[in-house]
Amino acid sequence: MYHNPVLLKQSVNDLVTNPDGIYVDCTFGGGGHSREILSRLSDKGRLYSFDQDLDALKNTIDDPRFTLINQNFRFLENSLLMYGVSGVDGILADLGVSSHQFDEADRGFSTRSNAPLDMRMNVMQSLDAKRVINEYEEEELADIFYHYGELREARKLARDIVHHRKTKSIETTEDLKKLFSYIPPHKVNKFYAQLFQAIRIEVNQELEVLKEMLVQAYRMLKPEGRLVVISYHSLEDRLVKRFLKNGMFEGEPERDIYGNYKKAFELLKSKAIIPDDKEIEENSRARSAKMRTGIKV
């Protein structure tokens, strides 16, 4: 299976309120969410799905109501406008790396395989993990590990990398992992997950891309349109939670004439939705998922 969609029924239940409406799946992948959305639409409904990964194009759906756009969802607004779409009824984004990308060893996403340092979701872009590890300054690396991986030992990790690469280039995931053989065995799995996450976020500019998409999603949604976002780590979830609350990522939101904060969305549910035990047992990658749904004010 290319990708086992997480929170499939719950996300589409929240998303689709008008069978005749126009919907967007920002992260097509294997097409699981898209197929479920199409199953809820009438002949008048339309679905536009985005994916920058060329591999995902092989999963396209033969349906006159469906359009697959081979673009990063940071180009959401302009891409939809090119198709004559100026407003939509709902937008779904299932963030993170697909099962297929993790399982394809040569993509370098997995901590379990020895592969070239790549980690690009779009293989056409020039920046990859090898360049980050071998060319970034020590301070840049430390910032990435600290902010994107939440690794307390960020400065030491960066120093170790810079010291090693003076004599030999770091080419593969195994090369990188060998530098940190001193990590205690009981901490090693979590450590590598955080390290690889930090590098991947930098390579794909994931947090900046997410911010851009959220802002554009708000503009593209019709009044009472729904934004459904499934995130997989706290950095993403904090951005989504804050944006759904007041349409901002930092700073103080505006107040109305009565002193109340202006809302961008009404939350469909006050707390994030998480997969149940059955789904986690069937799909271990669902265990860290959190879903939040906002209704545009």
Protein backbone atom coordinates (compact mmCIF):
# COMPACT_ATOMS: atom_id res chain seq x y z
CA MET A 1 0.00 0.00 0.00
CA TYR A 2 1.31 3.44 -0.98
CA HIS A 3 -0.11 5.11 2.12
CA ASN A 4 -2.63 4.12 4.76
CA PRO A 5 -4.72 7.29 5.32
CA VAL A 6 -4.99 8.38 8.94
CA LEU A 7 -8.32 9.36 10.55
CA LEU A 8 -9.96 8.74 7.18
CA LYS A 9 -13.65 8.72 8.08
CA GLN A 10 -13.35 11.31 10.85
CA SER A 11 -11.53 13.84 8.66
CA VAL A 12 -13.88 13.53 5.69
CA ASN A 13 -16.94 13.58 7.98
CA ASP A 14 -15.74 16.95 9.29
CA LEU A 15 -14.77 18.23 5.84
CA VAL A 16 -17.66 17.52 3.48
CA THR A 17 -20.86 19.38 4.33
CA ASN A 18 -22.08 20.16 0.79
CA PRO A 19 -22.12 17.28 -1.75
CA ASP A 20 -22.26 19.85 -4.59
CA GLY A 21 -19.28 21.78 -3.23
CA ILE A 22 -15.66 22.33 -4.23
CA TYR A 23 -13.03 20.65 -2.05
CA VAL A 24 -9.24 20.50 -1.81
CA ASP A 25 -6.96 17.69 -0.63
CA CYS A 26 -3.57 19.35 -0.07
CA THR A 27 -1.70 16.07 0.32
CA PHE A 28 -2.90 13.52 -2.24
CA GLY A 29 -0.26 10.80 -1.65
CA GLY A 30 -1.90 7.45 -2.31
CA GLY A 31 -5.28 9.08 -2.83
CA GLY A 32 -7.03 7.54 0.19
CA HIS A 33 -8.55 10.76 1.51
CA SER A 34 -9.32 11.97 -2.01
CA ARG A 35 -11.26 8.81 -2.87
CA GLU A 36 -13.26 9.10 0.33
CA ILE A 37 -14.06 12.75 -0.42
CA LEU A 38 -15.21 11.86 -3.94
CA SER A 39 -17.48 9.16 -2.51
CA ARG A 40 -19.35 11.92 -0.62
CA LEU A 41 -19.74 14.30 -3.61
CA SER A 42 -22.57 14.52 -6.14
CA ASP A 43 -22.04 14.82 -9.90
CA LYS A 44 -21.79 18.59 -9.37
CA GLY A 45 -19.04 18.36 -6.75
CA ARG A 46 -15.37 18.98 -7.54
CA LEU A 47 -12.13 17.91 -5.89
CA TYR A 48 -8.68 19.43 -6.50
CA SER A 49 -5.77 17.51 -4.97
CA PHE A 50 -2.14 18.61 -4.62
CA ASP A 51 1.09 16.62 -4.42
CA GLN A 52 4.63 17.67 -5.31
CA ASP A 53 5.96 14.10 -5.23
CA LEU A 54 6.20 12.66 -8.76
CA ASP A 55 5.56 9.16 -7.38
CA ALA A 56 2.10 10.25 -6.23
CA LEU A 57 1.05 11.01 -9.80
CA LYS A 58 0.92 7.27 -10.46
CA ASN A 59 -2.07 7.08 -8.10
CA THR A 60 -4.25 9.55 -10.00
CA ILE A 61 -8.02 8.95 -10.02
CA ASP A 62 -9.99 8.60 -13.25
CA ASP A 63 -13.01 10.72 -12.37
CA PRO A 64 -14.34 13.80 -14.21
CA ARG A 65 -14.89 15.53 -10.85
CA PHE A 66 -11.20 15.17 -9.93
CA THR A 67 -8.08 17.20 -10.79
CA LEU A 68 -4.57 16.33 -9.54
CA ILE A 69 -2.19 19.28 -9.38
CA ASN A 70 1.54 18.44 -9.29
CA GLN A 71 2.51 21.31 -6.99
CA ASN A 72 3.58 21.99 -3.44
CA PHE A 73 0.54 23.19 -1.48
CA ARG A 74 2.36 26.44 -0.75
CA PHE A 75 1.05 27.40 -4.22
CA LEU A 76 -2.53 26.57 -3.23
CA GLU A 77 -4.16 29.90 -4.07
CA ASN A 78 -2.48 30.62 -7.40
CA SER A 79 -2.96 27.04 -8.60
CA LEU A 80 -6.68 27.07 -7.85
CA LEU A 81 -7.12 30.47 -9.46
CA MET A 82 -5.51 29.08 -12.62
CA TYR A 83 -8.35 26.53 -12.73
CA GLY A 84 -10.92 29.31 -12.27
CA VAL A 85 -11.58 28.46 -8.62
CA SER A 86 -11.90 31.51 -6.37
CA GLY A 87 -13.63 29.91 -3.38
CA VAL A 88 -13.91 26.42 -1.89
CA ASP A 89 -16.12 24.67 0.66
CA GLY A 90 -13.40 22.70 2.43
CA ILE A 91 -9.67 22.04 2.57
CA LEU A 92 -7.95 18.96 4.02
CA ALA A 93 -4.24 18.69 4.79
CA ASP A 94 -2.74 15.43 6.08
CA LEU A 95 0.78 16.64 6.89
CA GLY A 96 4.06 14.80 7.20
CA VAL A 97 5.72 12.05 5.19
CA SER A 98 3.69 9.34 3.46
CA SER A 99 4.20 5.66 4.20
CA HIS A 100 5.55 5.26 0.68
CA GLN A 101 8.21 7.91 1.21
CA PHE A 102 9.30 6.27 4.46
CA ASP A 103 9.36 2.81 2.88
CA GLU A 104 11.33 3.83 -0.21
CA ALA A 105 14.81 3.34 1.26
CA ASP A 106 16.65 5.48 -1.29
CA ARG A 107 14.62 8.57 -0.30
CA GLY A 108 16.51 8.72 3.01
CA PHE A 109 13.51 9.47 5.25
CA SER A 110 13.68 6.35 7.38
CA THR A 111 16.07 5.92 10.32
CA ARG A 112 16.03 2.15 9.70
CA SER A 113 17.62 2.06 6.23
CA ASN A 114 21.06 2.98 4.99
CA ALA A 115 20.40 5.40 2.14
CA PRO A 116 21.81 8.53 0.52
CA LEU A 117 21.15 11.66 2.57
CA ASP A 118 18.22 12.99 0.57
CA MET A 119 14.85 13.55 2.36
CA ARG A 120 13.38 15.64 -0.47
CA MET A 121 9.62 15.40 -0.91
CA ASN A 122 10.12 17.02 -4.31
CA VAL A 123 13.06 15.27 -5.96
CA MET A 124 13.38 18.13 -8.45
CA GLN A 125 14.55 20.64 -5.83
CA SER A 126 18.26 21.24 -5.30
CA LEU A 127 18.42 21.34 -1.48
CA ASP A 128 18.75 17.89 0.06
CA ALA A 129 19.87 16.46 3.41
CA LYS A 130 23.42 15.87 2.17
CA ARG A 131 23.84 19.54 1.40
CA VAL A 132 22.39 20.58 4.76
CA ILE A 133 24.70 18.25 6.71
CA ASN A 134 27.86 18.97 4.70
CA GLU A 135 27.51 22.67 3.88
CA TYR A 136 25.54 24.43 6.61
CA GLU A 137 27.51 26.37 9.21
CA GLU A 138 27.76 24.94 12.71
CA GLU A 139 25.42 27.56 14.18
CA GLU A 140 22.81 26.91 11.47
CA LEU A 141 22.89 23.18 12.17
CA ALA A 142 22.57 23.74 15.90
CA ASP A 143 19.53 25.97 15.37
CA ILE A 144 17.87 23.36 13.13
CA PHE A 145 18.45 20.55 15.64
CA TYR A 146 17.22 22.67 18.55
CA HIS A 147 14.17 24.30 16.95
CA TYR A 148 13.01 21.56 14.57
CA GLY A 149 14.12 18.47 16.48
CA GLU A 150 13.81 19.88 20.01
CA LEU A 151 17.19 18.30 20.80
CA ARG A 152 18.83 19.76 23.89
CA GLU A 153 22.29 18.64 22.83
CA ALA A 154 21.97 20.55 19.54
CA ARG A 155 25.26 22.43 19.79
CA LYS A 156 27.31 19.31 20.48
CA LEU A 157 25.65 17.47 17.58
CA ALA A 158 26.43 20.32 15.21
CA ARG A 159 30.02 20.49 16.46
CA ASP A 160 30.50 16.74 15.93
CA ILE A 161 29.21 16.95 12.36
CA VAL A 162 31.39 19.93 11.43
CA HIS A 163 34.48 18.29 12.97
CA HIS A 164 33.92 15.02 11.08
CA ARG A 165 33.21 16.54 7.67
CA LYS A 166 36.56 18.38 7.68
CA THR A 167 38.18 15.07 6.79
CA LYS A 168 35.37 13.09 5.17
CA SER A 169 32.03 13.97 3.57
CA ILE A 170 28.90 12.57 5.25
CA GLU A 171 27.10 10.78 2.41
CA THR A 172 24.51 8.39 3.85
CA THR A 173 22.09 8.04 6.73
CA GLU A 174 24.38 5.39 8.22
CA ASP A 175 27.38 7.77 8.02
CA LEU A 176 25.37 10.29 9.99
CA LYS A 177 24.15 7.81 12.59
CA LYS A 178 27.69 6.50 13.24
CA LEU A 179 28.71 9.95 14.46
CA PHE A 180 26.36 9.58 17.41
CA SER A 181 27.11 6.03 18.56
CA TYR A 182 27.55 7.45 22.07
CA ILE A 183 23.78 7.96 22.46
CA PRO A 184 22.50 5.53 25.17
CA PRO A 185 20.65 2.52 23.66
CA HIS A 186 17.41 3.30 25.50
CA LYS A 187 17.34 6.78 23.94
CA VAL A 188 18.57 5.99 20.45
CA ASN A 189 15.24 5.48 18.65
CA LYS A 190 13.73 8.72 19.88
CA PHE A 191 16.99 10.57 19.25
CA TYR A 192 17.25 9.52 15.60
CA ALA A 193 13.56 10.24 15.03
CA GLN A 194 14.08 13.79 16.31
CA LEU A 195 17.33 14.25 14.38
CA PHE A 196 15.87 13.06 11.07
CA GLN A 197 12.72 15.12 11.65
CA ALA A 198 14.81 18.27 12.11
CA ILE A 199 16.79 17.71 8.92
CA ARG A 200 13.67 16.80 6.92
CA ILE A 201 11.84 19.94 8.06
CA GLU A 202 14.77 22.09 6.93
CA VAL A 203 15.15 20.33 3.57
CA ASN A 204 11.47 20.74 2.74
CA GLN A 205 10.89 24.03 4.59
CA GLU A 206 7.87 22.31 6.12
CA LEU A 207 6.91 24.86 8.76
CA GLU A 208 7.17 27.86 6.42
CA VAL A 209 5.21 25.97 3.77
CA LEU A 210 2.55 25.09 6.34
CA LYS A 211 2.19 28.74 7.37
CA GLU A 212 1.84 29.84 3.75
CA MET A 213 -0.80 27.19 3.08
CA LEU A 214 -2.85 28.07 6.18
CA VAL A 215 -2.98 31.76 5.27
CA GLN A 216 -3.99 30.96 1.70
CA ALA A 217 -6.54 28.39 2.87
CA TYR A 218 -8.28 31.05 4.95
CA ARG A 219 -8.50 33.34 1.92
CA MET A 220 -9.79 30.57 -0.37
CA LEU A 221 -12.45 29.20 1.98
CA LYS A 222 -15.99 30.43 1.60
CA PRO A 223 -17.77 31.65 4.76
CA GLU A 224 -18.46 28.57 6.92
CA GLY A 225 -16.00 26.58 4.81
CA ARG A 226 -14.00 24.00 6.74
CA LEU A 227 -10.27 23.54 7.23
CA VAL A 228 -9.20 20.10 8.48
CA VAL A 229 -5.54 19.55 9.37
CA ILE A 230 -3.90 16.33 10.57
CA SER A 231 -0.45 16.94 12.08
CA TYR A 232 2.16 14.54 13.44
CA HIS A 233 4.41 16.52 15.77
CA SER A 234 4.06 19.38 18.21
CA LEU A 235 5.71 21.99 15.99
CA GLU A 236 3.03 21.57 13.31
CA ASP A 237 0.19 21.22 15.78
CA ARG A 238 1.10 24.41 17.64
CA LEU A 239 1.03 26.41 14.39
CA VAL A 240 -2.31 24.90 13.36
CA LYS A 241 -3.86 25.39 16.81
CA ARG A 242 -2.78 29.03 17.00
CA PHE A 243 -3.91 29.84 13.47
CA LEU A 244 -7.34 28.26 13.94
CA LYS A 245 -7.74 30.22 17.14
CA ASN A 246 -7.03 33.71 15.82
CA GLY A 247 -5.59 33.57 12.30
CA MET A 248 -2.06 34.36 13.49
CA PHE A 249 1.17 32.53 14.30
CA GLU A 250 2.66 35.04 16.71
CA GLY A 251 1.84 38.33 18.36
CA GLU A 252 -1.46 39.55 19.79
CA PRO A 253 -4.62 39.31 17.65
CA GLU A 254 -6.83 42.34 17.03
CA ARG A 255 -9.79 43.05 19.28
CA ASP A 256 -13.21 44.23 18.15
CA ILE A 257 -14.92 47.35 19.50
CA TYR A 258 -16.12 45.35 22.51
CA GLY A 259 -12.60 44.20 23.40
CA ASN A 260 -13.08 40.64 22.20
CA TYR A 261 -10.43 38.93 20.13
CA LYS A 262 -11.36 38.62 16.48
CA LYS A 263 -11.74 35.00 15.44
CA ALA A 264 -10.62 33.50 12.15
CA PHE A 265 -12.37 30.16 12.76
CA GLU A 266 -14.81 28.51 15.10
CA LEU A 267 -13.38 25.23 16.31
CA LEU A 268 -15.62 22.29 15.50
CA LYS A 269 -14.31 20.56 18.64
CA SER A 270 -12.37 22.20 21.44
CA LYS A 271 -9.72 19.46 21.63
CA ALA A 272 -7.74 17.70 18.92
CA ILE A 273 -9.09 14.38 17.66
CA ILE A 274 -6.67 11.45 17.90
CA PRO A 275 -6.86 7.93 16.42
CA ASP A 276 -8.36 5.20 18.58
CA ASP A 277 -6.42 2.15 19.77
CA LYS A 278 -7.73 0.01 16.90
CA GLU A 279 -6.41 2.38 14.23
CA ILE A 280 -3.03 2.72 15.95
CA GLU A 281 -2.77 -1.08 16.17
CA GLU A 282 -3.49 -1.37 12.43
CA ASN A 283 -1.32 1.60 11.44
CA SER A 284 1.50 2.47 13.85
CA ARG A 285 2.19 5.76 12.03
CA ALA A 286 -1.17 7.04 13.26
CA ARG A 287 -0.04 7.07 16.90
CA SER A 288 1.19 10.68 16.89
CA ALA A 289 -1.61 12.12 14.73
CA LYS A 290 -3.77 15.03 15.89
CA MET A 291 -6.66 16.41 13.87
CA ARG A 292 -8.14 19.88 14.25
CA THR A 293 -11.08 21.33 12.31
CA GLY A 294 -11.99 25.00 11.96
CA ILE A 295 -15.06 26.59 10.41
CA LYS A 296 -14.30 29.92 8.76
CA VAL A 297 -16.03 32.82 10.52
